[in-house]
Amino acid sequence: MTLAIIDFNGTLYDPFRPGLMPGAKELLEALKMKGVPVVVVSKQELDGSGRLKQLGIDEYINEAIFVDQKTGEHFREIMERHGAKPEETYVIGDYLAFEIRAGVEAGAFTIHYKGGHRSGVAEDSITPNATIDDLSDALQYIR
């Protein structure tokens, strides 16, 4: 089963505008059409705030998880819960040192979103499988 794990702040959501990042809604709509479950991972509480509903994306999200640290172990637990293998899992995020590193550790296909706020933070030891400028571009990699 294919699974998408997507970072919230700086990837789906722009906390400085505030609103969705370019291509976010298109990505989520297409993933839903393909039947790909989406897990949003954040270092801030989402469910209690109702933010996903306010943004009009709650119907596309299968699970929203608050974590204090994004790790490969957390991502493997998410995969297991959703019945997905690492080679069937796609991790999308703007921060190489957090979600992309965790995705690599978990054995997932990692997609670095360069349009995010932390995308310019260098991390020489982490190499994503793909790099995109618009979130909807991630669809070319997700089977």
N, C-alpha and C. Protein backbone atom coordinates (compact mmCIF):
# COMPACT_ATOMS: atom_id res chain seq x y z
N MET A 1 0.84 -1.19 0.00
CA MET A 1 0.00 0.00 0.00
C MET A 1 0.88 1.25 0.00
N THR A 2 0.60 2.16 -0.90
CA THR A 2 1.33 3.41 -0.98
C THR A 2 0.88 4.34 0.15
N LEU A 3 1.82 5.08 0.71
CA LEU A 3 1.55 6.00 1.81
C LEU A 3 2.37 7.27 1.61
N ALA A 4 1.77 8.42 1.94
CA ALA A 4 2.49 9.70 1.91
C ALA A 4 2.56 10.26 3.33
N ILE A 5 3.76 10.56 3.78
CA ILE A 5 3.99 11.24 5.06
C ILE A 5 4.47 12.63 4.71
N ILE A 6 3.72 13.65 5.13
CA ILE A 6 4.02 15.01 4.71
C ILE A 6 4.17 15.91 5.93
N ASP A 7 5.22 16.70 5.96
CA ASP A 7 5.44 17.70 6.99
C ASP A 7 4.37 18.79 6.86
N PHE A 8 3.99 19.39 7.99
CA PHE A 8 2.96 20.43 7.96
C PHE A 8 3.57 21.82 7.80
N ASN A 9 4.22 22.34 8.84
CA ASN A 9 4.75 23.71 8.82
C ASN A 9 5.90 23.85 7.83
N GLY A 10 5.75 24.77 6.91
CA GLY A 10 6.80 25.02 5.93
C GLY A 10 6.70 24.15 4.69
N THR A 11 5.86 23.12 4.75
CA THR A 11 5.67 22.26 3.59
C THR A 11 4.24 22.41 3.07
N LEU A 12 3.26 21.92 3.82
CA LEU A 12 1.86 22.13 3.42
C LEU A 12 1.38 23.53 3.78
N TYR A 13 1.82 24.01 4.93
CA TYR A 13 1.30 25.24 5.51
C TYR A 13 2.38 26.31 5.61
N ASP A 14 2.04 27.51 5.21
CA ASP A 14 2.94 28.66 5.33
C ASP A 14 2.52 29.47 6.56
N PRO A 15 3.24 29.33 7.67
CA PRO A 15 2.84 30.03 8.89
C PRO A 15 3.06 31.54 8.83
N PHE A 16 3.79 32.02 7.84
CA PHE A 16 4.08 33.45 7.75
C PHE A 16 3.01 34.21 6.96
N ARG A 17 2.25 33.50 6.09
CA ARG A 17 1.21 34.18 5.30
C ARG A 17 -0.11 34.28 6.01
N PRO A 18 -0.69 33.58 6.77
CA PRO A 18 -0.77 32.12 6.87
C PRO A 18 -1.72 31.55 5.82
N GLY A 19 -1.39 30.38 5.35
CA GLY A 19 -2.19 29.71 4.34
C GLY A 19 -1.43 28.52 3.78
N LEU A 20 -2.02 27.86 2.81
CA LEU A 20 -1.37 26.70 2.20
C LEU A 20 -0.24 27.13 1.28
N MET A 21 0.76 26.29 1.18
CA MET A 21 1.87 26.51 0.25
C MET A 21 1.38 26.24 -1.18
N PRO A 22 2.05 26.84 -2.18
CA PRO A 22 1.67 26.61 -3.58
C PRO A 22 1.69 25.12 -3.94
N GLY A 23 0.60 24.67 -4.53
CA GLY A 23 0.50 23.28 -4.97
C GLY A 23 0.03 22.31 -3.90
N ALA A 24 -0.15 22.77 -2.66
CA ALA A 24 -0.52 21.87 -1.56
C ALA A 24 -1.88 21.22 -1.78
N LYS A 25 -2.87 22.02 -2.10
CA LYS A 25 -4.22 21.48 -2.28
C LYS A 25 -4.26 20.53 -3.48
N GLU A 26 -3.58 20.89 -4.56
CA GLU A 26 -3.54 20.05 -5.74
C GLU A 26 -2.90 18.69 -5.43
N LEU A 27 -1.82 18.72 -4.66
CA LEU A 27 -1.15 17.48 -4.25
C LEU A 27 -2.10 16.61 -3.44
N LEU A 28 -2.73 17.20 -2.43
CA LEU A 28 -3.62 16.43 -1.57
C LEU A 28 -4.82 15.88 -2.33
N GLU A 29 -5.39 16.68 -3.22
CA GLU A 29 -6.53 16.21 -4.03
C GLU A 29 -6.12 15.03 -4.91
N ALA A 30 -4.96 15.13 -5.54
CA ALA A 30 -4.49 14.06 -6.43
C ALA A 30 -4.18 12.79 -5.64
N LEU A 31 -3.59 12.92 -4.46
CA LEU A 31 -3.30 11.75 -3.63
C LEU A 31 -4.60 11.05 -3.23
N LYS A 32 -5.61 11.84 -2.89
CA LYS A 32 -6.90 11.25 -2.53
C LYS A 32 -7.50 10.51 -3.73
N MET A 33 -7.42 11.11 -4.92
CA MET A 33 -7.95 10.47 -6.13
C MET A 33 -7.23 9.15 -6.42
N LYS A 34 -5.92 9.10 -6.11
CA LYS A 34 -5.13 7.88 -6.32
C LYS A 34 -5.35 6.85 -5.22
N GLY A 35 -6.04 7.26 -4.15
CA GLY A 35 -6.26 6.36 -3.02
C GLY A 35 -5.07 6.23 -2.10
N VAL A 36 -4.19 7.24 -2.11
CA VAL A 36 -2.99 7.22 -1.27
C VAL A 36 -3.30 7.88 0.07
N PRO A 37 -3.21 7.12 1.17
CA PRO A 37 -3.41 7.72 2.49
C PRO A 37 -2.34 8.77 2.77
N VAL A 38 -2.74 9.85 3.45
CA VAL A 38 -1.83 10.94 3.79
C VAL A 38 -1.76 11.08 5.31
N VAL A 39 -0.54 11.06 5.83
CA VAL A 39 -0.29 11.31 7.24
C VAL A 39 0.50 12.61 7.33
N VAL A 40 -0.05 13.57 8.06
CA VAL A 40 0.63 14.85 8.27
C VAL A 40 1.34 14.78 9.61
N VAL A 41 2.61 15.14 9.60
CA VAL A 41 3.42 15.10 10.81
C VAL A 41 3.84 16.53 11.15
N SER A 42 3.66 16.88 12.41
CA SER A 42 3.97 18.24 12.83
C SER A 42 4.56 18.25 14.23
N LYS A 43 5.36 19.26 14.49
CA LYS A 43 5.89 19.47 15.84
C LYS A 43 4.97 20.39 16.64
N GLN A 44 3.79 20.67 16.09
CA GLN A 44 2.79 21.44 16.81
C GLN A 44 1.46 20.70 16.73
N GLU A 45 0.62 20.90 17.72
CA GLU A 45 -0.68 20.23 17.77
C GLU A 45 -1.56 20.73 16.63
N LEU A 46 -2.19 19.80 15.90
CA LEU A 46 -3.04 20.17 14.77
C LEU A 46 -4.51 19.84 15.02
N ASP A 47 -4.78 18.65 15.49
CA ASP A 47 -6.17 18.21 15.64
C ASP A 47 -6.97 19.09 16.58
N GLY A 48 -6.40 19.41 17.71
CA GLY A 48 -7.11 20.22 18.69
C GLY A 48 -7.39 21.63 18.22
N SER A 49 -6.54 22.15 17.36
CA SER A 49 -6.69 23.53 16.90
C SER A 49 -7.71 23.66 15.78
N GLY A 50 -8.03 22.56 15.11
CA GLY A 50 -8.96 22.61 13.98
C GLY A 50 -8.36 23.27 12.76
N ARG A 51 -7.05 23.43 12.73
CA ARG A 51 -6.39 24.12 11.63
C ARG A 51 -6.60 23.43 10.28
N LEU A 52 -6.57 22.10 10.27
CA LEU A 52 -6.75 21.38 9.00
C LEU A 52 -8.13 21.67 8.41
N LYS A 53 -9.13 21.73 9.27
CA LYS A 53 -10.49 22.04 8.82
C LYS A 53 -10.57 23.49 8.34
N GLN A 54 -9.95 24.41 9.08
CA GLN A 54 -9.95 25.82 8.69
C GLN A 54 -9.31 26.01 7.32
N LEU A 55 -8.28 25.22 7.03
CA LEU A 55 -7.58 25.32 5.74
C LEU A 55 -8.31 24.58 4.62
N GLY A 56 -9.36 23.83 4.98
CA GLY A 56 -10.12 23.09 3.99
C GLY A 56 -9.42 21.85 3.48
N ILE A 57 -8.52 21.27 4.29
CA ILE A 57 -7.79 20.08 3.84
C ILE A 57 -8.02 18.86 4.74
N ASP A 58 -8.87 18.99 5.74
CA ASP A 58 -9.09 17.88 6.67
C ASP A 58 -9.60 16.62 5.97
N GLU A 59 -10.38 16.78 4.90
CA GLU A 59 -10.92 15.63 4.19
C GLU A 59 -9.85 14.83 3.44
N TYR A 60 -8.68 15.41 3.25
CA TYR A 60 -7.60 14.74 2.53
C TYR A 60 -6.60 14.05 3.45
N ILE A 61 -6.71 14.32 4.74
CA ILE A 61 -5.73 13.84 5.71
C ILE A 61 -6.29 12.63 6.44
N ASN A 62 -5.59 11.50 6.38
CA ASN A 62 -6.02 10.30 7.08
C ASN A 62 -5.62 10.31 8.54
N GLU A 63 -4.50 10.97 8.82
CA GLU A 63 -4.02 11.03 10.20
C GLU A 63 -3.12 12.26 10.35
N ALA A 64 -3.29 12.97 11.46
CA ALA A 64 -2.42 14.10 11.79
C ALA A 64 -1.73 13.75 13.11
N ILE A 65 -0.42 13.79 13.09
CA ILE A 65 0.37 13.35 14.24
C ILE A 65 1.24 14.48 14.76
N PHE A 66 1.20 14.67 16.06
CA PHE A 66 2.08 15.61 16.75
C PHE A 66 3.26 14.81 17.28
N VAL A 67 4.47 15.26 16.95
CA VAL A 67 5.68 14.61 17.46
C VAL A 67 6.63 15.67 17.99
N ASP A 68 7.41 15.31 19.00
CA ASP A 68 8.41 16.28 19.48
C ASP A 68 9.68 16.19 18.66
N GLN A 69 9.88 15.06 17.96
CA GLN A 69 11.04 14.90 17.10
C GLN A 69 10.68 13.97 15.96
N LYS A 70 11.05 14.32 14.76
CA LYS A 70 10.78 13.46 13.60
C LYS A 70 11.96 12.51 13.44
N THR A 71 11.68 11.20 13.58
CA THR A 71 12.74 10.21 13.50
C THR A 71 12.33 9.09 12.56
N GLY A 72 13.31 8.34 12.11
CA GLY A 72 13.04 7.18 11.29
C GLY A 72 12.15 6.18 12.02
N GLU A 73 12.36 6.04 13.31
CA GLU A 73 11.55 5.12 14.12
C GLU A 73 10.07 5.55 14.11
N HIS A 74 9.82 6.86 14.29
CA HIS A 74 8.44 7.36 14.22
C HIS A 74 7.82 7.05 12.86
N PHE A 75 8.58 7.30 11.80
CA PHE A 75 8.06 7.10 10.46
C PHE A 75 7.81 5.61 10.18
N ARG A 76 8.67 4.72 10.70
CA ARG A 76 8.44 3.28 10.53
C ARG A 76 7.17 2.85 11.28
N GLU A 77 6.93 3.42 12.45
CA GLU A 77 5.70 3.13 13.20
C GLU A 77 4.47 3.57 12.41
N ILE A 78 4.54 4.73 11.78
CA ILE A 78 3.44 5.21 10.95
C ILE A 78 3.20 4.24 9.79
N MET A 79 4.27 3.82 9.13
CA MET A 79 4.15 2.88 8.02
C MET A 79 3.48 1.59 8.48
N GLU A 80 3.93 1.08 9.60
CA GLU A 80 3.38 -0.17 10.12
C GLU A 80 1.88 -0.03 10.41
N ARG A 81 1.52 1.07 11.03
CA ARG A 81 0.11 1.33 11.37
C ARG A 81 -0.77 1.38 10.12
N HIS A 82 -0.20 1.85 9.01
CA HIS A 82 -0.96 1.98 7.76
C HIS A 82 -0.72 0.83 6.78
N GLY A 83 0.04 -0.17 7.21
CA GLY A 83 0.29 -1.33 6.37
C GLY A 83 1.12 -1.04 5.14
N ALA A 84 2.02 -0.06 5.24
CA ALA A 84 2.87 0.32 4.10
C ALA A 84 4.32 -0.11 4.35
N LYS A 85 4.97 -0.52 3.30
CA LYS A 85 6.38 -0.86 3.36
C LYS A 85 7.19 0.40 3.07
N PRO A 86 8.45 0.45 3.52
CA PRO A 86 9.28 1.63 3.24
C PRO A 86 9.36 1.97 1.76
N GLU A 87 9.48 0.97 0.90
CA GLU A 87 9.60 1.24 -0.54
C GLU A 87 8.30 1.73 -1.16
N GLU A 88 7.20 1.70 -0.40
CA GLU A 88 5.90 2.20 -0.86
C GLU A 88 5.54 3.54 -0.21
N THR A 89 6.48 4.07 0.58
CA THR A 89 6.21 5.28 1.36
C THR A 89 6.99 6.46 0.82
N TYR A 90 6.31 7.60 0.75
CA TYR A 90 6.91 8.84 0.26
C TYR A 90 6.87 9.86 1.38
N VAL A 91 8.02 10.44 1.68
CA VAL A 91 8.12 11.47 2.71
C VAL A 91 8.42 12.79 2.01
N ILE A 92 7.56 13.79 2.27
CA ILE A 92 7.71 15.10 1.64
C ILE A 92 7.92 16.14 2.73
N GLY A 93 8.99 16.92 2.61
CA GLY A 93 9.25 17.95 3.60
C GLY A 93 10.24 18.98 3.11
N ASP A 94 10.28 20.10 3.83
CA ASP A 94 11.18 21.19 3.44
C ASP A 94 12.49 21.21 4.21
N TYR A 95 12.57 20.41 5.26
CA TYR A 95 13.74 20.50 6.14
C TYR A 95 14.56 19.21 6.06
N LEU A 96 15.71 19.30 5.45
CA LEU A 96 16.56 18.12 5.28
C LEU A 96 16.91 17.46 6.61
N ALA A 97 17.21 18.25 7.62
CA ALA A 97 17.68 17.72 8.90
C ALA A 97 16.57 17.04 9.70
N PHE A 98 15.31 17.29 9.39
CA PHE A 98 14.22 16.69 10.16
C PHE A 98 13.49 15.62 9.35
N GLU A 99 12.47 16.02 8.59
CA GLU A 99 11.64 15.02 7.94
C GLU A 99 12.37 14.25 6.84
N ILE A 100 13.26 14.89 6.12
CA ILE A 100 13.98 14.16 5.07
C ILE A 100 14.95 13.17 5.70
N ARG A 101 15.66 13.58 6.73
CA ARG A 101 16.55 12.65 7.44
C ARG A 101 15.75 11.46 7.99
N ALA A 102 14.61 11.73 8.61
CA ALA A 102 13.78 10.66 9.17
C ALA A 102 13.30 9.71 8.07
N GLY A 103 12.92 10.28 6.93
CA GLY A 103 12.48 9.45 5.81
C GLY A 103 13.58 8.55 5.29
N VAL A 104 14.79 9.10 5.19
CA VAL A 104 15.95 8.31 4.77
C VAL A 104 16.20 7.19 5.78
N GLU A 105 16.17 7.52 7.07
CA GLU A 105 16.39 6.51 8.12
C GLU A 105 15.34 5.40 8.06
N ALA A 106 14.11 5.76 7.68
CA ALA A 106 13.03 4.78 7.61
C ALA A 106 13.04 3.98 6.32
N GLY A 107 13.88 4.37 5.36
CA GLY A 107 13.95 3.65 4.08
C GLY A 107 12.92 4.09 3.06
N ALA A 108 12.27 5.24 3.29
CA ALA A 108 11.24 5.74 2.38
C ALA A 108 11.86 6.52 1.22
N PHE A 109 11.05 6.78 0.20
CA PHE A 109 11.43 7.65 -0.90
C PHE A 109 11.22 9.08 -0.40
N THR A 110 12.27 9.90 -0.43
CA THR A 110 12.18 11.24 0.14
C THR A 110 12.14 12.31 -0.95
N ILE A 111 11.25 13.28 -0.72
CA ILE A 111 11.06 14.38 -1.67
C ILE A 111 11.26 15.69 -0.92
N HIS A 112 12.32 16.40 -1.28
CA HIS A 112 12.64 17.67 -0.63
C HIS A 112 11.92 18.80 -1.34
N TYR A 113 11.07 19.52 -0.59
CA TYR A 113 10.33 20.66 -1.14
C TYR A 113 11.15 21.93 -0.93
N LYS A 114 11.68 22.46 -2.01
CA LYS A 114 12.55 23.64 -1.94
C LYS A 114 11.80 24.95 -1.76
N GLY A 115 10.48 24.93 -1.84
CA GLY A 115 9.70 26.14 -1.66
C GLY A 115 9.41 26.45 -0.20
N GLY A 116 9.83 25.57 0.70
CA GLY A 116 9.57 25.75 2.12
C GLY A 116 10.52 26.73 2.78
N HIS A 117 10.22 27.06 4.01
CA HIS A 117 11.00 28.07 4.73
C HIS A 117 12.36 27.57 5.20
N ARG A 118 12.49 26.27 5.39
CA ARG A 118 13.77 25.73 5.86
C ARG A 118 14.51 24.99 4.76
N SER A 119 14.06 25.16 3.54
CA SER A 119 14.65 24.41 2.43
C SER A 119 16.09 24.83 2.14
N GLY A 120 16.47 26.03 2.51
CA GLY A 120 17.82 26.50 2.25
C GLY A 120 18.84 26.11 3.30
N VAL A 121 18.38 25.48 4.37
CA VAL A 121 19.28 25.06 5.44
C VAL A 121 20.04 23.83 4.96
N ALA A 122 21.34 23.98 4.82
CA ALA A 122 22.18 22.91 4.26
C ALA A 122 22.35 21.77 5.24
N GLU A 123 22.40 20.58 4.70
CA GLU A 123 22.64 19.36 5.47
C GLU A 123 23.39 18.42 4.54
N ASP A 124 24.71 18.49 4.59
CA ASP A 124 25.54 17.76 3.64
C ASP A 124 25.38 16.24 3.69
N SER A 125 25.01 15.72 4.85
CA SER A 125 24.95 14.26 4.99
C SER A 125 23.63 13.67 4.51
N ILE A 126 22.66 14.50 4.13
CA ILE A 126 21.35 14.01 3.70
C ILE A 126 21.13 14.31 2.22
N THR A 127 20.82 13.28 1.46
CA THR A 127 20.52 13.44 0.04
C THR A 127 19.13 12.88 -0.22
N PRO A 128 18.18 13.74 -0.57
CA PRO A 128 16.84 13.24 -0.87
C PRO A 128 16.82 12.49 -2.21
N ASN A 129 15.79 11.67 -2.40
CA ASN A 129 15.64 10.97 -3.68
C ASN A 129 15.23 11.92 -4.79
N ALA A 130 14.49 12.98 -4.42
CA ALA A 130 14.02 13.95 -5.42
C ALA A 130 13.90 15.32 -4.76
N THR A 131 13.95 16.35 -5.59
CA THR A 131 13.80 17.73 -5.13
C THR A 131 12.76 18.40 -6.02
N ILE A 132 11.84 19.15 -5.40
CA ILE A 132 10.77 19.82 -6.15
C ILE A 132 10.67 21.28 -5.72
N ASP A 133 10.14 22.11 -6.62
CA ASP A 133 9.92 23.53 -6.33
C ASP A 133 8.45 23.83 -6.02
N ASP A 134 7.56 22.97 -6.52
CA ASP A 134 6.12 23.13 -6.29
C ASP A 134 5.61 21.78 -5.78
N LEU A 135 4.76 21.81 -4.77
CA LEU A 135 4.30 20.57 -4.17
C LEU A 135 3.62 19.63 -5.16
N SER A 136 2.89 20.18 -6.11
CA SER A 136 2.21 19.31 -7.07
C SER A 136 3.20 18.52 -7.93
N ASP A 137 4.45 18.98 -8.00
CA ASP A 137 5.48 18.25 -8.75
C ASP A 137 5.82 16.90 -8.10
N ALA A 138 5.47 16.73 -6.84
CA ALA A 138 5.75 15.46 -6.14
C ALA A 138 4.99 14.31 -6.79
N LEU A 139 3.90 14.62 -7.45
CA LEU A 139 3.05 13.58 -8.04
C LEU A 139 3.77 12.76 -9.11
N GLN A 140 4.77 13.33 -9.77
CA GLN A 140 5.50 12.59 -10.79
C GLN A 140 6.30 11.43 -10.20
N TYR A 141 6.55 11.46 -8.88
CA TYR A 141 7.33 10.41 -8.23
C TYR A 141 6.47 9.39 -7.51
N ILE A 142 5.23 9.74 -7.18
CA ILE A 142 4.38 8.88 -6.36
C ILE A 142 3.57 7.95 -7.26
N ARG A 143 3.79 6.65 -7.08
CA ARG A 143 3.10 5.65 -7.89
C ARG A 143 1.80 5.24 -7.25
